[in-house]
């Protein structure tokens, strides 16, 4: 499965921590677009039928994370806040994206709206492969808040 880190050119420190935590081959899509722009890049420039998308603010704490994902089929939502695939974190399937399309996002407001509304379409289309969500990756189960790269960050998981 292709692993994709979404980043921006001004986030080198974030990207370094995320990329260093992956422990396996991955690609970085770094541009000034929002998440769906990065996902569009993956669709246009790879042939991946399935890919994991993570923001550069994610740090993978154990390789077991990938073992769990490798054993799953279909779409996998890593979070469910505010809806499945919150933070755009998850495993996406090309056929679903091709079916629902990718809107062009031009503002942060549109990106925030798409986080919910585009994923509602995604989940409805992939209903046969109901997205799994790691229940421990929710705000309610956050284990701590840690100051990193100039801001407080919610730590999800154990």
N, C-alpha and C. Protein backbone atom coordinates (compact mmCIF):
# COMPACT_ATOMS: atom_id res chain seq x y z
N UNK A 1 0.85 -1.18 0.00
CA UNK A 1 0.00 0.00 0.00
C UNK A 1 0.90 1.24 0.00
N UNK A 2 0.57 2.16 -0.86
CA UNK A 2 1.29 3.43 -0.93
C UNK A 2 0.99 4.25 0.33
N UNK A 3 2.04 4.83 0.91
CA UNK A 3 1.90 5.72 2.06
C UNK A 3 2.22 7.13 1.58
N UNK A 4 1.30 8.06 1.85
CA UNK A 4 1.44 9.44 1.39
C UNK A 4 1.40 10.37 2.60
N UNK A 5 2.40 11.25 2.67
CA UNK A 5 2.38 12.31 3.68
C UNK A 5 2.05 13.61 2.96
N UNK A 6 1.02 14.30 3.43
CA UNK A 6 0.67 15.60 2.90
C UNK A 6 1.33 16.70 3.71
N UNK A 7 2.03 17.60 3.02
CA UNK A 7 2.76 18.66 3.71
C UNK A 7 2.72 19.94 2.89
N UNK A 8 3.35 20.97 3.42
CA UNK A 8 3.51 22.25 2.73
C UNK A 8 4.98 22.65 2.82
N UNK A 9 5.45 23.45 1.89
CA UNK A 9 6.87 23.81 1.87
C UNK A 9 7.39 24.48 3.14
N UNK A 10 6.54 25.10 3.93
CA UNK A 10 6.99 25.79 5.14
C UNK A 10 6.92 24.91 6.40
N UNK A 11 6.76 23.61 6.23
CA UNK A 11 6.57 22.73 7.39
C UNK A 11 7.66 21.65 7.47
N UNK A 12 8.90 22.04 7.22
CA UNK A 12 10.00 21.08 7.19
C UNK A 12 10.16 20.33 8.51
N UNK A 13 10.02 21.02 9.65
CA UNK A 13 10.17 20.35 10.94
C UNK A 13 9.09 19.30 11.16
N UNK A 14 7.86 19.65 10.78
CA UNK A 14 6.75 18.69 10.90
C UNK A 14 7.02 17.48 10.02
N UNK A 15 7.38 17.74 8.78
CA UNK A 15 7.60 16.66 7.82
C UNK A 15 8.73 15.74 8.27
N UNK A 16 9.79 16.30 8.80
CA UNK A 16 10.92 15.49 9.26
C UNK A 16 10.49 14.50 10.34
N UNK A 17 9.72 14.98 11.31
CA UNK A 17 9.26 14.09 12.40
C UNK A 17 8.33 13.01 11.87
N UNK A 18 7.39 13.40 11.01
CA UNK A 18 6.44 12.43 10.47
C UNK A 18 7.16 11.40 9.60
N UNK A 19 7.93 11.88 8.65
CA UNK A 19 8.63 10.99 7.73
C UNK A 19 9.56 10.04 8.47
N UNK A 20 10.24 10.55 9.48
CA UNK A 20 11.14 9.71 10.26
C UNK A 20 10.44 8.64 11.06
N UNK A 21 9.16 8.81 11.32
CA UNK A 21 8.41 7.83 12.12
C UNK A 21 7.81 6.71 11.27
N UNK A 22 7.83 6.86 9.97
CA UNK A 22 7.15 5.90 9.09
C UNK A 22 7.86 4.54 9.05
N UNK A 23 9.17 4.55 8.86
CA UNK A 23 9.92 3.30 8.89
C UNK A 23 9.75 2.42 7.67
N UNK A 24 9.17 2.93 6.62
CA UNK A 24 9.05 2.20 5.36
C UNK A 24 8.90 3.21 4.23
N UNK A 25 8.99 2.71 3.03
CA UNK A 25 8.93 3.59 1.86
C UNK A 25 7.62 4.38 1.83
N UNK A 26 7.73 5.65 1.49
CA UNK A 26 6.55 6.52 1.40
C UNK A 26 6.86 7.68 0.46
N UNK A 27 5.84 8.41 0.07
CA UNK A 27 6.04 9.61 -0.72
C UNK A 27 5.52 10.81 0.04
N UNK A 28 6.02 11.97 -0.32
CA UNK A 28 5.59 13.23 0.27
C UNK A 28 5.00 14.09 -0.83
N UNK A 29 3.80 14.60 -0.61
CA UNK A 29 3.20 15.56 -1.51
C UNK A 29 3.21 16.88 -0.76
N UNK A 30 4.11 17.77 -1.19
CA UNK A 30 4.29 19.05 -0.53
C UNK A 30 3.99 20.16 -1.51
N UNK A 31 2.87 20.84 -1.27
CA UNK A 31 2.48 21.97 -2.10
C UNK A 31 1.61 22.89 -1.26
N UNK A 32 1.18 23.99 -1.86
CA UNK A 32 0.38 24.96 -1.10
C UNK A 32 -1.11 24.65 -1.15
N UNK A 33 -1.49 23.56 -1.79
CA UNK A 33 -2.90 23.19 -1.84
C UNK A 33 -3.36 22.57 -0.54
N UNK A 34 -4.64 22.38 -0.44
CA UNK A 34 -5.20 21.76 0.74
C UNK A 34 -5.21 20.24 0.56
N UNK A 35 -5.76 19.52 1.52
CA UNK A 35 -5.69 18.05 1.52
C UNK A 35 -6.22 17.42 0.23
N UNK A 36 -7.37 17.88 -0.24
CA UNK A 36 -7.91 17.27 -1.45
C UNK A 36 -7.05 17.57 -2.68
N UNK A 37 -6.33 18.65 -2.66
CA UNK A 37 -5.36 18.92 -3.72
C UNK A 37 -4.22 17.93 -3.70
N UNK A 38 -3.80 17.55 -2.53
CA UNK A 38 -2.73 16.56 -2.39
C UNK A 38 -3.24 15.17 -2.81
N UNK A 39 -4.47 14.86 -2.42
CA UNK A 39 -5.07 13.59 -2.85
C UNK A 39 -5.25 13.57 -4.36
N UNK A 40 -5.62 14.71 -4.95
CA UNK A 40 -5.72 14.80 -6.42
C UNK A 40 -4.37 14.53 -7.06
N UNK A 41 -3.29 15.04 -6.46
CA UNK A 41 -1.96 14.79 -6.99
C UNK A 41 -1.67 13.29 -7.01
N UNK A 42 -2.02 12.60 -5.93
CA UNK A 42 -1.81 11.15 -5.86
C UNK A 42 -2.59 10.46 -6.98
N UNK A 43 -3.83 10.87 -7.18
CA UNK A 43 -4.67 10.25 -8.22
C UNK A 43 -4.09 10.49 -9.62
N UNK A 44 -3.54 11.66 -9.84
CA UNK A 44 -3.02 12.02 -11.16
C UNK A 44 -1.62 11.50 -11.44
N UNK A 45 -0.85 11.23 -10.40
CA UNK A 45 0.56 10.91 -10.59
C UNK A 45 0.98 9.52 -10.14
N UNK A 46 0.04 8.72 -9.66
CA UNK A 46 0.35 7.35 -9.28
C UNK A 46 -0.73 6.43 -9.85
N UNK A 47 -0.47 5.15 -9.75
CA UNK A 47 -1.48 4.16 -10.14
C UNK A 47 -1.99 3.40 -8.92
N UNK A 48 -1.71 3.91 -7.75
CA UNK A 48 -2.09 3.22 -6.51
C UNK A 48 -3.61 3.00 -6.47
N UNK A 49 -4.00 1.77 -6.22
CA UNK A 49 -5.42 1.45 -6.07
C UNK A 49 -5.91 1.75 -4.66
N UNK A 50 -4.95 1.82 -3.74
CA UNK A 50 -5.26 2.05 -2.32
C UNK A 50 -4.07 2.78 -1.72
N UNK A 51 -4.33 3.81 -0.92
CA UNK A 51 -3.21 4.53 -0.32
C UNK A 51 -3.60 5.09 1.03
N UNK A 52 -2.61 5.17 1.90
CA UNK A 52 -2.76 5.77 3.22
C UNK A 52 -2.36 7.23 3.11
N UNK A 53 -3.24 8.13 3.57
CA UNK A 53 -2.93 9.55 3.59
C UNK A 53 -2.82 10.01 5.03
N UNK A 54 -1.69 10.63 5.36
CA UNK A 54 -1.47 11.21 6.69
C UNK A 54 -0.98 12.64 6.53
N UNK A 55 -1.44 13.51 7.40
CA UNK A 55 -0.89 14.86 7.47
C UNK A 55 0.52 14.79 8.05
N UNK A 56 1.33 15.79 7.78
CA UNK A 56 2.70 15.79 8.31
C UNK A 56 2.75 15.97 9.82
N UNK A 57 1.63 16.25 10.45
CA UNK A 57 1.60 16.39 11.91
C UNK A 57 1.48 15.04 12.61
N UNK A 58 1.25 13.97 11.86
CA UNK A 58 1.15 12.64 12.44
C UNK A 58 2.54 12.06 12.68
N UNK A 59 2.68 11.39 13.81
CA UNK A 59 3.89 10.64 14.11
C UNK A 59 3.43 9.23 14.47
N UNK A 60 3.94 8.26 13.75
CA UNK A 60 3.56 6.86 13.97
C UNK A 60 4.42 6.33 15.11
N UNK A 61 3.76 5.81 16.14
CA UNK A 61 4.47 5.41 17.35
C UNK A 61 4.97 3.97 17.32
N UNK A 62 4.38 3.12 16.44
CA UNK A 62 4.79 1.72 16.39
C UNK A 62 4.57 1.16 14.98
N UNK A 63 5.46 0.29 14.52
CA UNK A 63 5.27 -0.34 13.21
C UNK A 63 4.03 -1.24 13.17
N UNK A 64 3.51 -1.61 14.34
CA UNK A 64 2.29 -2.42 14.39
C UNK A 64 1.11 -1.70 13.72
N UNK A 65 1.16 -0.38 13.70
CA UNK A 65 0.14 0.42 13.02
C UNK A 65 0.01 -0.03 11.57
N UNK A 66 1.13 -0.19 10.89
CA UNK A 66 1.11 -0.59 9.49
C UNK A 66 0.70 -2.05 9.32
N UNK A 67 1.09 -2.89 10.27
CA UNK A 67 0.68 -4.30 10.22
C UNK A 67 -0.83 -4.41 10.27
N UNK A 68 -1.47 -3.64 11.15
CA UNK A 68 -2.93 -3.63 11.23
C UNK A 68 -3.54 -3.17 9.90
N UNK A 69 -3.02 -2.11 9.33
CA UNK A 69 -3.57 -1.60 8.07
C UNK A 69 -3.34 -2.56 6.91
N UNK A 70 -2.16 -3.19 6.87
CA UNK A 70 -1.87 -4.15 5.80
C UNK A 70 -2.83 -5.33 5.81
N UNK A 71 -3.33 -5.69 6.98
CA UNK A 71 -4.23 -6.83 7.11
C UNK A 71 -5.69 -6.48 6.79
N UNK A 72 -5.98 -5.21 6.58
CA UNK A 72 -7.35 -4.78 6.31
C UNK A 72 -7.56 -4.59 4.81
N UNK A 73 -8.81 -4.71 4.41
CA UNK A 73 -9.16 -4.46 3.01
C UNK A 73 -10.10 -3.26 2.96
N UNK A 74 -10.17 -2.65 1.80
CA UNK A 74 -11.09 -1.55 1.62
C UNK A 74 -10.61 -0.26 2.26
N UNK A 75 -11.55 0.64 2.43
CA UNK A 75 -11.26 1.95 3.02
C UNK A 75 -11.11 1.82 4.53
N UNK A 76 -10.23 2.63 5.09
CA UNK A 76 -10.01 2.59 6.53
C UNK A 76 -9.93 4.02 7.05
N UNK A 77 -10.90 4.42 7.85
CA UNK A 77 -10.86 5.73 8.48
C UNK A 77 -10.08 5.62 9.78
N UNK A 78 -9.07 6.45 9.94
CA UNK A 78 -8.28 6.40 11.17
C UNK A 78 -8.93 7.16 12.30
N UNK A 79 -9.77 8.12 11.96
CA UNK A 79 -10.46 8.91 12.98
C UNK A 79 -11.92 9.07 12.58
N UNK A 80 -12.71 9.52 13.52
CA UNK A 80 -14.14 9.74 13.24
C UNK A 80 -14.59 11.08 13.80
N UNK A 81 -13.71 12.06 13.82
CA UNK A 81 -14.06 13.37 14.35
C UNK A 81 -13.57 14.44 13.39
N UNK A 82 -14.44 15.20 12.79
CA UNK A 82 -15.86 15.36 13.06
C UNK A 82 -16.72 14.29 12.36
N UNK A 83 -16.10 13.48 11.52
CA UNK A 83 -16.76 12.42 10.78
C UNK A 83 -15.68 11.44 10.40
N UNK A 84 -16.06 10.30 9.80
CA UNK A 84 -15.03 9.38 9.32
C UNK A 84 -13.98 10.14 8.52
N UNK A 85 -12.74 9.77 8.67
CA UNK A 85 -11.61 10.37 7.96
C UNK A 85 -11.32 11.80 8.42
N UNK A 86 -11.67 12.13 9.67
CA UNK A 86 -11.30 13.44 10.20
C UNK A 86 -9.81 13.66 10.02
N UNK A 87 -9.43 14.88 9.75
CA UNK A 87 -8.03 15.24 9.42
C UNK A 87 -7.58 14.60 8.11
N UNK A 88 -8.52 14.05 7.34
CA UNK A 88 -8.25 13.35 6.09
C UNK A 88 -7.36 12.13 6.31
N UNK A 89 -7.31 11.62 7.53
CA UNK A 89 -6.44 10.50 7.86
C UNK A 89 -7.12 9.18 7.55
N UNK A 90 -6.51 8.42 6.67
CA UNK A 90 -7.08 7.11 6.39
C UNK A 90 -6.55 6.49 5.13
N UNK A 91 -7.05 5.31 4.86
CA UNK A 91 -6.73 4.57 3.65
C UNK A 91 -7.86 4.80 2.66
N UNK A 92 -7.50 5.29 1.50
CA UNK A 92 -8.45 5.62 0.45
C UNK A 92 -8.33 4.63 -0.70
N UNK A 93 -9.46 4.43 -1.39
CA UNK A 93 -9.48 3.56 -2.56
C UNK A 93 -9.73 4.38 -3.81
N UNK A 94 -8.93 4.11 -4.83
CA UNK A 94 -9.01 4.84 -6.09
C UNK A 94 -10.42 4.78 -6.68
N UNK A 95 -11.05 3.61 -6.68
CA UNK A 95 -12.35 3.47 -7.33
C UNK A 95 -13.40 4.38 -6.69
N UNK A 96 -13.32 4.55 -5.39
CA UNK A 96 -14.29 5.41 -4.70
C UNK A 96 -14.06 6.87 -5.10
N UNK A 97 -12.80 7.29 -5.08
CA UNK A 97 -12.48 8.66 -5.44
C UNK A 97 -12.86 8.95 -6.89
N UNK A 98 -12.59 7.99 -7.77
CA UNK A 98 -12.98 8.18 -9.17
C UNK A 98 -14.49 8.29 -9.31
N UNK A 99 -15.22 7.56 -8.49
CA UNK A 99 -16.68 7.58 -8.56
C UNK A 99 -17.27 8.91 -8.07
N UNK A 100 -16.75 9.44 -6.98
CA UNK A 100 -17.34 10.67 -6.41
C UNK A 100 -16.65 11.95 -6.90
N UNK A 101 -15.45 11.83 -7.40
CA UNK A 101 -14.72 13.00 -7.88
C UNK A 101 -14.05 13.78 -6.76
N UNK A 102 -13.23 14.73 -7.18
CA UNK A 102 -12.49 15.56 -6.24
C UNK A 102 -12.78 17.03 -6.54
N UNK A 103 -13.41 17.73 -5.63
CA UNK A 103 -13.65 19.15 -5.86
C UNK A 103 -12.34 19.93 -5.78
N UNK A 104 -12.29 21.04 -6.45
CA UNK A 104 -11.15 21.94 -6.34
C UNK A 104 -11.38 22.84 -5.13
N UNK A 105 -10.46 22.79 -4.20
CA UNK A 105 -10.57 23.54 -2.95
C UNK A 105 -9.65 24.75 -3.04
N UNK A 106 -10.21 25.93 -2.81
CA UNK A 106 -9.42 27.15 -2.94
C UNK A 106 -9.23 27.92 -1.65
N UNK A 107 -10.02 27.60 -0.61
CA UNK A 107 -9.89 28.33 0.65
C UNK A 107 -9.86 27.35 1.82
N UNK A 108 -9.35 27.82 2.93
CA UNK A 108 -9.33 27.00 4.14
C UNK A 108 -10.75 26.64 4.56
N UNK A 109 -11.67 27.58 4.43
CA UNK A 109 -13.07 27.30 4.76
C UNK A 109 -13.60 26.13 3.93
N UNK A 110 -13.34 26.14 2.63
CA UNK A 110 -13.77 25.03 1.77
C UNK A 110 -13.12 23.72 2.19
N UNK A 111 -11.86 23.78 2.59
CA UNK A 111 -11.16 22.57 3.04
C UNK A 111 -11.79 22.00 4.29
N UNK A 112 -12.15 22.88 5.22
CA UNK A 112 -12.79 22.43 6.46
C UNK A 112 -14.16 21.82 6.15
N UNK A 113 -14.93 22.46 5.28
CA UNK A 113 -16.24 21.94 4.89
C UNK A 113 -16.09 20.57 4.20
N UNK A 114 -15.10 20.44 3.34
CA UNK A 114 -14.89 19.19 2.61
C UNK A 114 -14.51 18.05 3.54
N UNK A 115 -13.85 18.38 4.64
CA UNK A 115 -13.47 17.34 5.59
C UNK A 115 -14.68 16.53 6.01
N UNK A 116 -15.82 17.18 6.12
CA UNK A 116 -17.06 16.48 6.48
C UNK A 116 -17.84 16.05 5.25
N UNK A 117 -18.16 17.00 4.38
CA UNK A 117 -19.11 16.73 3.30
C UNK A 117 -18.56 15.81 2.21
N UNK A 118 -17.31 15.99 1.84
CA UNK A 118 -16.73 15.09 0.83
C UNK A 118 -16.62 13.68 1.40
N UNK A 119 -16.28 13.59 2.67
CA UNK A 119 -16.17 12.26 3.28
C UNK A 119 -17.54 11.60 3.46
N UNK A 120 -18.59 12.38 3.63
CA UNK A 120 -19.92 11.76 3.66
C UNK A 120 -20.19 11.05 2.34
N UNK A 121 -19.86 11.69 1.22
CA UNK A 121 -20.01 11.06 -0.09
C UNK A 121 -19.09 9.85 -0.21
N UNK A 122 -17.88 9.99 0.29
CA UNK A 122 -16.92 8.88 0.22
C UNK A 122 -17.46 7.66 0.96
N UNK A 123 -17.93 7.88 2.18
CA UNK A 123 -18.42 6.76 2.99
C UNK A 123 -19.67 6.14 2.37
N UNK A 124 -20.58 6.95 1.87
CA UNK A 124 -21.79 6.43 1.24
C UNK A 124 -21.46 5.57 0.02
N UNK A 125 -20.45 5.95 -0.73
CA UNK A 125 -20.06 5.21 -1.93
C UNK A 125 -19.34 3.92 -1.56
N UNK A 126 -18.56 3.95 -0.50
CA UNK A 126 -17.80 2.75 -0.13
C UNK A 126 -18.53 1.93 0.92
N UNK A 127 -19.86 2.05 0.98
CA UNK A 127 -20.65 1.41 2.04
C UNK A 127 -20.46 -0.10 2.09
N UNK A 128 -20.17 -0.74 0.96
CA UNK A 128 -19.94 -2.19 0.97
C UNK A 128 -18.72 -2.53 1.81
N UNK A 129 -17.75 -1.67 1.78
CA UNK A 129 -16.54 -1.85 2.58
C UNK A 129 -16.56 -0.81 3.69
N UNK A 130 -17.53 -0.90 4.58
CA UNK A 130 -17.73 0.10 5.62
C UNK A 130 -16.40 0.46 6.27
N UNK A 131 -16.04 1.73 6.28
CA UNK A 131 -14.75 2.12 6.83
C UNK A 131 -14.61 1.72 8.30
N UNK A 132 -13.50 1.16 8.61
CA UNK A 132 -13.16 0.83 9.98
C UNK A 132 -12.54 2.06 10.60
N UNK A 133 -12.81 2.27 11.85
CA UNK A 133 -12.20 3.40 12.54
C UNK A 133 -11.49 2.90 13.79
N UNK A 134 -10.26 3.31 13.96
CA UNK A 134 -9.56 2.98 15.17
C UNK A 134 -10.19 3.75 16.32
N UNK A 135 -10.92 3.10 17.17
CA UNK A 135 -11.66 3.79 18.23
C UNK A 135 -10.75 4.53 19.19
N UNK A 136 -9.50 4.07 19.33
CA UNK A 136 -8.62 4.77 20.25
C UNK A 136 -8.11 6.10 19.68
N UNK A 137 -8.33 6.35 18.40
CA UNK A 137 -7.90 7.60 17.79
C UNK A 137 -9.04 8.59 17.75
N UNK A 138 -9.51 8.98 18.91
CA UNK A 138 -10.58 9.97 19.02
C UNK A 138 -10.19 11.01 20.05
N UNK A 139 -10.78 12.18 19.96
CA UNK A 139 -10.49 13.23 20.94
C UNK A 139 -10.80 12.77 22.35
N UNK A 140 -11.87 11.97 22.51
CA UNK A 140 -12.25 11.52 23.85
C UNK A 140 -11.19 10.62 24.47
N UNK A 141 -10.42 9.93 23.63
CA UNK A 141 -9.40 9.01 24.12
C UNK A 141 -7.99 9.58 24.01
N UNK A 142 -7.88 10.87 23.79
CA UNK A 142 -6.56 11.49 23.70
C UNK A 142 -5.83 11.30 25.01
N UNK A 143 -4.59 10.93 24.92
CA UNK A 143 -3.83 10.64 26.12
C UNK A 143 -3.12 11.85 26.68
N UNK A 144 -2.88 12.85 25.82
CA UNK A 144 -2.19 14.04 26.32
C UNK A 144 -2.20 15.13 25.25
N UNK A 145 -1.81 16.30 25.69
CA UNK A 145 -1.55 17.42 24.78
C UNK A 145 -0.08 17.74 24.93
N UNK A 146 0.62 17.85 23.81
CA UNK A 146 2.06 18.09 23.85
C UNK A 146 2.38 19.32 22.99
N UNK A 147 3.25 20.18 23.51
CA UNK A 147 3.70 21.35 22.77
C UNK A 147 4.79 20.89 21.80
N UNK A 148 4.58 21.17 20.51
CA UNK A 148 5.52 20.72 19.48
C UNK A 148 5.47 21.70 18.32
N UNK A 149 6.61 22.14 17.87
CA UNK A 149 6.71 23.07 16.74
C UNK A 149 5.83 24.31 16.91
N UNK A 150 5.85 24.86 18.11
CA UNK A 150 5.19 26.14 18.33
C UNK A 150 3.71 26.10 18.63
N UNK A 151 3.15 24.91 18.85
CA UNK A 151 1.73 24.85 19.17
C UNK A 151 1.43 23.61 20.01
N UNK A 152 0.26 23.62 20.66
CA UNK A 152 -0.19 22.45 21.40
C UNK A 152 -0.82 21.47 20.42
N UNK A 153 -0.51 20.18 20.61
CA UNK A 153 -0.99 19.14 19.72
C UNK A 153 -1.63 18.03 20.52
N UNK A 154 -2.78 17.59 20.07
CA UNK A 154 -3.49 16.50 20.70
C UNK A 154 -2.82 15.20 20.32
N UNK A 155 -2.51 14.38 21.31
CA UNK A 155 -1.86 13.09 21.08
C UNK A 155 -2.96 12.03 21.12
N UNK A 156 -3.17 11.36 19.99
CA UNK A 156 -4.20 10.33 19.89
C UNK A 156 -3.55 8.97 19.99
N UNK A 157 -4.22 8.04 20.66
CA UNK A 157 -3.71 6.69 20.80
C UNK A 157 -3.06 6.49 22.15
N UNK A 158 -2.46 5.33 22.25
CA UNK A 158 -1.84 4.97 23.54
C UNK A 158 -0.36 5.10 23.50
